[in-house]
Structures are given as C-alpha cells and as structure tokens.
Amino acid sequence: MTDQGLFTLRAALVAATEVAMVAFAMACARVPESKPPVTIDGPPAGELYTAHDTTINANFDAGGAAAPIQQAALSTRLMGAVTEVRVREGDRVAAGQVLLRIDARDLTAKSTQVAAAIAEAAALHDDAMVQANRIRALYTDSAATRVQLDAAETALARTRAGLEAAQAAATELGAVRSYSVIRAPFAGVVTKRFADPGAFATPGTPLITIQDVSTLRVSATTTPTVASGLHRGQVVQAQVERTAVQATIEGIVPATTGNLYTINALVANPGALLAGSRATLALPTGSRRVLIVPSSAVTRVGDLTGVMLHLAQGDDRRWVRLGRALGDMVEVTAGLRSDDRVVVPVARATTLAGQ
C-alpha cells in the first residue's frame, strides 16, 4: 500500500473514533427518565395466636322451623259477591283495618223488617202492660176475678218474650252483617289474597290470609335428657337460616310421637327474618373443651378451610375442619393441636420506587 493510502486509512479511523467518543459523551450527559412508583402487595403479615384448649358450653343443635307467632285465614259466613278488596299480598296492616267487603244489600232489607218487628212487639208489650196494670187494680178492689188477672199477666209475659225475640233477631242480624266486612284480627302482613272484586264468596272459603311475623316461634324436638335441663323463660342461642339470634323458651311439651320433647322458643323479629325459615336451637347440655382460633385467621378456598401455621422452618398452610362460631372466634374440630401458633394476617401494601 502507498503512503497516500495509509494516510487516508489513518484519517478515517481517527474520525470514527471521534464520532464514537462524542456519542458516548452525549449518552452519559442525558438525564435518566424517572419511573412512576409501583405498588405491590407485600408478604402476609400479622400477629401470632396460640391455639389452646378452651372450656365452652356444650350444646345440642335441635333443628326446626321458624313459624309466625300468629296467623289466620279469614273467611265469611255470608254468600255474596266481593265488592271491594283493599289490600295486596305483602301489605302490612293494622289490627281492625278493613281488608275486604262483601255485598250485603239483602241484609239491609232484612234489617228494615227486623226494625218493624221490634216496633210491633214493643207496641204489643206496652198495650199488654196497660191491660195488666188495670186488671191488677181491679183485682185489688175485688172487681176482677183471678182468672182475668192470670190472663192479663200471661198476655204481658208473651208480649215481653216477643219483644225480646225481636231484639235478639236484630242482634243476630248485626252479627251477620259484620261478616260482610273482613277486618284484620291483629297487626301483620297479608300473605295471600284469594279473592278479587266480583268474585263470589261462600261460607268458610278463605278470602285472605294474614301473619304476624313480629315474633317467630321456633319448634324443635330433642331427647328427654336434654329437655330436663331446660326451663320456661330460659334464653338460648339460635340461628334462623344464617342469622344468629337469641330465643326465649316458651314451653317444653311431650312430642306427639316417640320418647321425645318439643321445645318451643320465641325469637324477636325486627323484620329481616322470614317465616318458614330453617332454624336451629343451641340447647345447653353442659360444657366441653375445644380449640378455638380467631375467625379472621381462617381462609377459604372453595369448600376447604385453612389457617397459616407458624413453624420454625417457616409458615405453612394447614387445612382444618371448623365447628361452631363463637363471636369473633371459631371452633376447630380437626387439623390443629393445642399450642399450635396460627398467623392472623393483616393486609398491607408496600410502595416501592422505580426499578
């Protein structure tokens, strides 16, 4: 290669080197872009709870149903067309409120006849009273015979009986007329409406059903051994569906079948509990020792329940079987031993900058 060629090659290498150095210097001088903070879930953290044997009241769970304290199917003793229905299913009604009316125009005609009969009977009674008083005076003066006096007294008694009969007919008519207006016998909820205006009502046919659900009665069956430890007025724990409530024992009576007893208990209903719901009475039978852990320590995966067990080599999930809930605690019937240490998790987040 000639001297001219070597000079050209050397110049090209120097220029490339200078360009690379300038680019490197510009890259070093560039301000790095800041990245936004990233929030990630931190590792489980919380307190340790040592499971230990605890003495609790032993209960026998007696299943039953929660029925309304009062319920009635309202009907009439009249035959007639329904003229008005003032309520719908689900309506709350007050005691004495008018729910339904039945056509009673024929009773109006009968009431006119009864009123006339009472007036006639009263007139006959007044006339018989005058005649009896006259005969009594004449008999005192020996101007009338004993036979005449007896006849006057008999006539007076007959007219008095006739007047009383007419008045009784008026009372009966009033009672029958009351069946033309169906009223709520107690405050409650309309659960069924069987008739609409224009329907024909017959004696004994239900027209409206109503329930008082302000208090529910739970009836459950148990053995004589359990029943012997109970008494009227005793307060026991209960569940209506999944709602924990308190129930007051109303009565303890022999069941209709078998060597069993029926426990009737009353549950105050603020309105959230539904009549007919499945219910359970926790009837006390003494005491027993169980393992309990905080309910917040329990995790659920499908139908499985577990806790995080704290071990020397690290935390390990342990699947357990749960029993009765005891306030903020829950009974563990299998999967744990006394003195096992359980992690009660506390959710937290850690904010890390840039990366």
Protein backbone atom coordinates (compact mmCIF):
# COMPACT_ATOMS: atom_id res chain seq x y z
CA MET A 1 0.00 0.00 0.00
CA THR A 2 1.31 3.50 -0.85
CA ASP A 3 1.98 6.24 1.66
CA GLN A 4 -1.09 8.09 0.36
CA GLY A 5 -3.36 5.09 1.07
CA LEU A 6 -2.03 4.67 4.62
CA PHE A 7 -2.65 8.32 5.32
CA THR A 8 -6.27 8.09 4.13
CA LEU A 9 -6.98 4.98 6.23
CA ARG A 10 -5.47 6.60 9.33
CA ALA A 11 -7.63 9.69 8.88
CA ALA A 12 -10.82 7.59 8.60
CA LEU A 13 -10.04 5.70 11.82
CA VAL A 14 -9.42 8.91 13.72
CA ALA A 15 -12.73 10.39 12.51
CA ALA A 16 -14.72 7.27 13.51
CA THR A 17 -13.09 7.31 16.94
CA GLU A 18 -14.02 10.94 17.49
CA VAL A 19 -17.67 10.32 16.47
CA ALA A 20 -17.93 7.39 18.90
CA MET A 21 -16.46 9.48 21.74
CA VAL A 22 -18.93 12.31 21.08
CA ALA A 23 -21.89 9.87 21.08
CA PHE A 24 -20.69 8.29 24.33
CA ALA A 25 -20.35 11.70 25.96
CA MET A 26 -23.88 12.69 24.90
CA ALA A 27 -25.29 9.44 26.27
CA CYS A 28 -23.57 9.98 29.60
CA ALA A 29 -24.87 13.53 29.79
CA ARG A 30 -28.52 12.53 29.13
CA VAL A 31 -30.81 12.86 32.20
CA PRO A 32 -32.34 9.45 33.09
CA GLU A 33 -36.11 9.20 32.83
CA SER A 34 -37.91 8.81 36.18
CA LYS A 35 -40.24 5.84 36.56
CA PRO A 36 -43.58 6.16 38.45
CA PRO A 37 -43.84 4.44 41.88
CA VAL A 38 -45.04 0.83 41.68
CA THR A 39 -47.39 -0.52 44.33
CA ILE A 40 -47.16 -4.24 45.05
CA ASP A 41 -48.69 -6.46 47.62
CA GLY A 42 -46.33 -7.18 50.44
CA PRO A 43 -45.90 -10.58 52.07
CA PRO A 44 -48.53 -11.73 54.60
CA ALA A 45 -48.01 -10.09 57.95
CA GLY A 46 -49.85 -10.21 61.24
CA GLU A 47 -49.89 -11.39 64.81
CA LEU A 48 -49.43 -14.90 66.07
CA TYR A 49 -52.22 -16.59 68.01
CA THR A 50 -51.52 -19.69 70.09
CA ALA A 51 -54.38 -22.18 69.86
CA HIS A 52 -55.24 -23.66 73.24
CA ASP A 53 -57.97 -25.72 74.85
CA THR A 54 -60.89 -23.57 75.96
CA THR A 55 -63.88 -24.61 78.03
CA ILE A 56 -67.16 -23.64 76.37
CA ASN A 57 -70.77 -24.50 76.88
CA ALA A 58 -71.71 -27.74 75.16
CA ASN A 59 -74.87 -27.51 73.09
CA PHE A 60 -77.22 -29.86 71.31
CA ASP A 61 -78.34 -28.43 67.98
CA ALA A 62 -82.07 -29.07 67.60
CA GLY A 63 -83.40 -28.26 64.15
CA GLY A 64 -86.85 -26.90 63.39
CA ALA A 65 -88.69 -24.18 61.53
CA ALA A 66 -89.46 -20.56 62.39
CA ALA A 67 -93.23 -20.05 62.24
CA PRO A 68 -95.15 -16.78 62.74
CA ILE A 69 -96.47 -16.19 66.26
CA GLN A 70 -99.96 -15.61 64.85
CA GLN A 71 -101.56 -16.48 61.53
CA ALA A 72 -105.14 -16.61 60.35
CA ALA A 73 -107.14 -17.49 57.26
CA LEU A 74 -110.03 -15.03 57.08
CA SER A 75 -113.39 -16.11 55.67
CA THR A 76 -117.06 -15.16 55.93
CA ARG A 77 -120.38 -16.73 56.93
CA LEU A 78 -122.19 -14.97 54.09
CA MET A 79 -122.85 -15.83 50.48
CA GLY A 80 -122.36 -12.83 48.27
CA ALA A 81 -120.24 -11.02 45.75
CA VAL A 82 -116.98 -9.40 46.80
CA THR A 83 -117.38 -5.67 46.22
CA GLU A 84 -114.00 -4.36 47.39
CA VAL A 85 -110.53 -5.68 48.25
CA ARG A 86 -108.31 -3.05 49.85
CA VAL A 87 -105.03 -4.93 50.26
CA ARG A 88 -102.48 -6.83 48.21
CA GLU A 89 -100.09 -9.60 49.12
CA GLY A 90 -97.17 -8.26 51.15
CA ASP A 91 -99.08 -5.30 52.58
CA ARG A 92 -98.66 -4.54 56.28
CA VAL A 93 -101.96 -3.96 58.05
CA ALA A 94 -103.04 -2.73 61.48
CA ALA A 95 -105.40 -4.52 63.84
CA GLY A 96 -109.02 -3.75 62.90
CA GLN A 97 -108.15 -2.44 59.43
CA VAL A 98 -110.75 -3.14 56.73
CA LEU A 99 -109.38 -5.63 54.21
CA LEU A 100 -112.39 -6.72 52.13
CA ARG A 101 -116.12 -6.04 51.73
CA ILE A 102 -118.96 -8.31 50.59
CA ASP A 103 -122.29 -7.21 49.09
CA ALA A 104 -124.81 -7.07 51.96
CA ARG A 105 -127.79 -5.31 50.35
CA ASP A 106 -130.13 -8.18 51.23
CA LEU A 107 -129.20 -7.69 54.87
CA THR A 108 -130.29 -4.06 54.61
CA ALA A 109 -133.76 -5.19 53.59
CA LYS A 110 -133.85 -7.68 56.45
CA SER A 111 -132.79 -5.02 58.92
CA THR A 112 -135.83 -2.96 57.90
CA GLN A 113 -138.07 -5.95 58.56
CA VAL A 114 -136.46 -6.60 61.91
CA ALA A 115 -136.87 -2.96 62.92
CA ALA A 116 -140.58 -3.15 62.08
CA ALA A 117 -140.95 -6.37 64.06
CA ILE A 118 -139.31 -4.74 67.09
CA ALA A 119 -141.67 -1.75 66.85
CA GLU A 120 -144.70 -4.03 66.66
CA ALA A 121 -143.52 -6.17 69.56
CA ALA A 122 -142.89 -3.05 71.64
CA ALA A 123 -146.40 -1.73 70.95
CA LEU A 124 -148.00 -5.04 71.92
CA HIS A 125 -145.88 -5.15 75.07
CA ASP A 126 -146.92 -1.61 76.05
CA ASP A 127 -150.60 -2.41 75.49
CA ALA A 128 -150.29 -5.64 77.49
CA MET A 129 -148.60 -3.70 80.29
CA VAL A 130 -151.51 -1.22 80.43
CA GLN A 131 -154.08 -4.02 80.49
CA ALA A 132 -152.18 -5.91 83.18
CA ASN A 133 -151.96 -2.83 85.41
CA ARG A 134 -155.71 -2.20 85.01
CA ILE A 135 -156.64 -5.79 85.89
CA ARG A 136 -154.28 -5.71 88.88
CA ALA A 137 -156.05 -2.61 90.22
CA LEU A 138 -159.50 -4.14 89.65
CA TYR A 139 -158.44 -7.38 91.28
CA THR A 140 -157.26 -5.42 94.33
CA ASP A 141 -160.72 -3.85 94.58
CA SER A 142 -162.31 -7.29 94.02
CA ALA A 143 -163.73 -6.00 90.74
CA ALA A 144 -161.84 -8.57 88.62
CA THR A 145 -161.52 -12.29 89.00
CA ARG A 146 -158.37 -14.29 89.47
CA VAL A 147 -158.84 -15.77 86.01
CA GLN A 148 -158.83 -12.30 84.42
CA LEU A 149 -155.67 -11.35 86.33
CA ASP A 150 -153.89 -14.53 85.24
CA ALA A 151 -154.87 -13.94 81.62
CA ALA A 152 -153.53 -10.37 81.73
CA GLU A 153 -150.24 -11.49 83.29
CA THR A 154 -149.88 -14.24 80.66
CA ALA A 155 -150.51 -11.78 77.83
CA LEU A 156 -147.91 -9.42 79.28
CA ALA A 157 -145.32 -12.23 79.54
CA ARG A 158 -145.98 -13.26 75.92
CA THR A 159 -145.52 -9.73 74.59
CA ARG A 160 -142.35 -9.34 76.65
CA ALA A 161 -140.98 -12.57 75.14
CA GLY A 162 -141.95 -11.38 71.66
CA LEU A 163 -140.14 -8.10 72.17
CA GLU A 164 -137.01 -9.89 73.42
CA ALA A 165 -137.12 -12.23 70.42
CA ALA A 166 -137.35 -9.30 68.01
CA GLN A 167 -134.43 -7.59 69.73
CA ALA A 168 -132.40 -10.81 69.59
CA ALA A 169 -133.10 -11.06 65.86
CA ALA A 170 -131.74 -7.55 65.44
CA THR A 171 -128.58 -8.50 67.36
CA GLU A 172 -128.12 -11.60 65.22
CA LEU A 173 -128.63 -9.58 62.06
CA GLY A 174 -125.96 -7.15 63.23
CA ALA A 175 -123.56 -10.02 63.84
CA VAL A 176 -124.24 -11.44 60.39
CA ARG A 177 -123.80 -8.00 58.83
CA SER A 178 -120.34 -7.79 60.42
CA TYR A 179 -119.28 -10.72 58.23
CA SER A 180 -119.74 -8.51 55.18
CA VAL A 181 -116.66 -6.54 56.27
CA ILE A 182 -113.44 -8.53 56.74
CA ARG A 183 -111.08 -6.84 59.19
CA ALA A 184 -107.55 -7.71 60.30
CA PRO A 185 -107.75 -9.52 63.66
CA PHE A 186 -104.20 -8.41 64.51
CA ALA A 187 -101.38 -6.36 63.02
CA GLY A 188 -99.41 -8.31 60.46
CA VAL A 189 -98.62 -8.95 56.81
CA VAL A 190 -101.04 -10.13 54.11
CA THR A 191 -99.57 -13.37 52.77
CA LYS A 192 -102.31 -14.45 50.37
CA ARG A 193 -105.25 -12.84 48.62
CA PHE A 194 -107.73 -15.38 47.32
CA ALA A 195 -110.49 -13.08 46.01
CA ASP A 196 -110.84 -10.10 43.71
CA PRO A 197 -113.80 -7.73 43.28
CA GLY A 198 -116.64 -9.57 41.59
CA ALA A 199 -115.72 -12.99 42.99
CA PHE A 200 -118.47 -14.91 44.82
CA ALA A 201 -117.75 -15.59 48.48
CA THR A 202 -119.17 -18.62 50.25
CA PRO A 203 -119.19 -19.52 53.95
CA GLY A 204 -115.88 -20.95 55.18
CA THR A 205 -113.91 -20.28 51.98
CA PRO A 206 -110.62 -18.43 52.74
CA LEU A 207 -110.52 -14.93 51.32
CA ILE A 208 -107.30 -13.51 52.82
CA THR A 209 -104.52 -14.95 54.98
CA ILE A 210 -102.51 -12.80 57.37
CA GLN A 211 -99.44 -13.44 59.54
CA ASP A 212 -97.91 -11.65 62.49
CA VAL A 213 -94.15 -12.01 61.96
CA SER A 214 -93.03 -9.53 64.64
CA THR A 215 -92.18 -12.63 66.69
CA LEU A 216 -91.30 -16.06 65.34
CA ARG A 217 -91.85 -19.35 67.15
CA VAL A 218 -89.16 -21.98 66.67
CA SER A 219 -90.28 -25.54 67.44
CA ALA A 220 -87.57 -28.20 67.73
CA THR A 221 -87.53 -31.76 69.02
CA THR A 222 -84.99 -33.17 71.45
CA THR A 223 -84.43 -36.04 73.87
CA PRO A 224 -85.71 -36.15 77.48
CA THR A 225 -82.11 -35.85 78.75
CA VAL A 226 -81.59 -32.52 77.01
CA ALA A 227 -85.12 -31.29 77.79
CA SER A 228 -84.68 -31.99 81.51
CA GLY A 229 -82.05 -29.25 81.78
CA LEU A 230 -84.27 -26.56 80.25
CA HIS A 231 -86.97 -24.35 81.71
CA ARG A 232 -89.52 -21.79 80.57
CA GLY A 233 -88.08 -18.29 80.15
CA GLN A 234 -84.53 -19.57 79.58
CA VAL A 235 -82.61 -17.70 76.86
CA VAL A 236 -80.68 -19.87 74.39
CA GLN A 237 -78.65 -19.16 71.28
CA ALA A 238 -80.29 -19.88 67.94
CA GLN A 239 -79.86 -19.46 64.22
CA VAL A 240 -82.55 -18.62 61.68
CA GLU A 241 -81.04 -19.52 58.32
CA ARG A 242 -77.58 -17.96 58.82
CA THR A 243 -78.59 -15.20 61.22
CA ALA A 244 -77.53 -15.62 64.85
CA VAL A 245 -80.33 -14.66 67.27
CA GLN A 246 -81.43 -15.22 70.83
CA ALA A 247 -84.52 -17.29 71.62
CA THR A 248 -86.59 -17.41 74.80
CA ILE A 249 -88.05 -20.82 75.66
CA GLU A 250 -91.84 -20.57 75.71
CA GLY A 251 -92.67 -24.13 76.70
CA ILE A 252 -91.46 -27.71 76.87
CA VAL A 253 -94.07 -30.32 75.94
CA PRO A 254 -94.04 -34.03 75.04
CA ALA A 255 -93.86 -34.65 71.31
CA THR A 256 -96.70 -36.45 69.59
CA THR A 257 -94.51 -39.39 68.59
CA GLY A 258 -91.67 -41.25 70.29
CA ASN A 259 -89.99 -40.59 73.60
CA LEU A 260 -89.15 -37.02 72.63
CA TYR A 261 -89.95 -33.46 73.73
CA THR A 262 -90.80 -30.39 71.69
CA ILE A 263 -89.08 -27.14 72.65
CA ASN A 264 -90.99 -24.00 71.65
CA ALA A 265 -88.92 -20.82 71.72
CA LEU A 266 -89.76 -17.25 70.71
CA VAL A 267 -87.46 -15.07 68.59
CA ALA A 268 -87.97 -11.32 68.25
CA ASN A 269 -88.04 -10.43 64.56
CA PRO A 270 -87.01 -6.91 63.55
CA GLY A 271 -88.29 -7.69 60.07
CA ALA A 272 -85.28 -9.31 58.40
CA LEU A 273 -86.20 -12.91 59.28
CA LEU A 274 -88.67 -14.77 57.10
CA ALA A 275 -91.38 -17.01 58.44
CA GLY A 276 -90.88 -20.63 57.44
CA SER A 277 -87.09 -20.35 57.50
CA ARG A 278 -84.92 -23.20 58.73
CA ALA A 279 -83.92 -22.65 62.36
CA THR A 280 -81.66 -24.29 64.94
CA LEU A 281 -81.79 -24.04 68.73
CA ALA A 282 -78.49 -24.47 70.59
CA LEU A 283 -79.75 -26.27 73.69
CA PRO A 284 -77.16 -26.32 76.50
CA THR A 285 -76.04 -29.74 77.74
CA GLY A 286 -73.08 -28.83 80.00
CA SER A 287 -69.53 -27.87 78.99
CA ARG A 288 -66.68 -29.20 76.83
CA ARG A 289 -63.09 -28.30 75.88
CA VAL A 290 -62.29 -27.22 72.33
CA LEU A 291 -59.58 -25.48 70.29
CA ILE A 292 -60.54 -22.01 69.08
CA VAL A 293 -58.84 -19.54 66.73
CA PRO A 294 -59.78 -16.06 65.51
CA SER A 295 -62.23 -16.15 62.61
CA SER A 296 -60.00 -13.68 60.73
CA ALA A 297 -57.20 -16.27 60.67
CA VAL A 298 -59.30 -18.66 58.58
CA THR A 299 -59.01 -18.65 54.80
CA ARG A 300 -61.40 -20.38 52.44
CA VAL A 301 -60.68 -21.97 49.10
CA GLY A 302 -63.88 -23.39 47.70
CA ASP A 303 -65.24 -25.78 50.32
CA LEU A 304 -61.87 -26.02 52.08
CA THR A 305 -60.96 -24.02 55.19
CA GLY A 306 -57.43 -23.50 56.42
CA VAL A 307 -55.09 -21.46 58.58
CA MET A 308 -51.47 -20.36 58.21
CA LEU A 309 -49.41 -22.31 60.75
CA HIS A 310 -46.20 -20.66 62.04
CA LEU A 311 -43.36 -23.21 62.22
CA ALA A 312 -39.64 -22.94 62.95
CA GLN A 313 -38.80 -23.58 59.30
CA GLY A 314 -41.41 -21.09 58.05
CA ASP A 315 -45.16 -20.59 57.64
CA ASP A 316 -47.20 -23.47 56.27
CA ARG A 317 -50.87 -23.65 55.30
CA ARG A 318 -52.84 -26.21 57.30
CA TRP A 319 -56.32 -27.34 56.24
CA VAL A 320 -58.70 -27.62 59.19
CA ARG A 321 -62.30 -28.56 59.98
CA LEU A 322 -64.35 -25.86 61.67
CA GLY A 323 -67.13 -26.15 64.23
CA ARG A 324 -69.39 -23.54 65.79
CA ALA A 325 -68.71 -19.82 65.51
CA LEU A 326 -68.16 -18.23 68.93
CA GLY A 327 -68.36 -14.49 68.37
CA ASP A 328 -65.08 -13.38 66.78
CA MET A 329 -63.64 -16.85 67.34
CA VAL A 330 -64.38 -20.17 65.70
CA GLU A 331 -64.05 -23.73 66.94
CA VAL A 332 -61.53 -26.02 65.18
CA THR A 333 -62.55 -29.66 65.41
CA ALA A 334 -59.72 -31.19 63.36
CA GLY A 335 -56.38 -30.19 61.87
CA LEU A 336 -54.80 -28.35 64.82
CA ARG A 337 -53.24 -29.28 68.13
CA SER A 338 -53.00 -27.36 71.35
CA ASP A 339 -50.14 -24.80 71.38
CA ASP A 340 -50.00 -24.57 67.58
CA ARG A 341 -49.22 -20.99 66.56
CA VAL A 342 -51.52 -19.51 63.92
CA VAL A 343 -50.86 -16.40 61.83
CA VAL A 344 -53.63 -13.81 61.99
CA PRO A 345 -53.00 -11.92 58.71
CA VAL A 346 -53.20 -8.18 58.28
CA ALA A 347 -53.43 -6.97 54.67
CA ARG A 348 -50.90 -4.27 53.81
CA ALA A 349 -49.35 -2.76 50.70
CA THR A 350 -45.74 -1.64 50.16
CA THR A 351 -44.94 1.20 47.78
CA LEU A 352 -41.58 0.83 46.08
CA ALA A 353 -39.96 3.47 43.94
CA GLY A 354 -38.67 2.91 40.47
CA GLN A 355 -36.90 -0.32 39.18
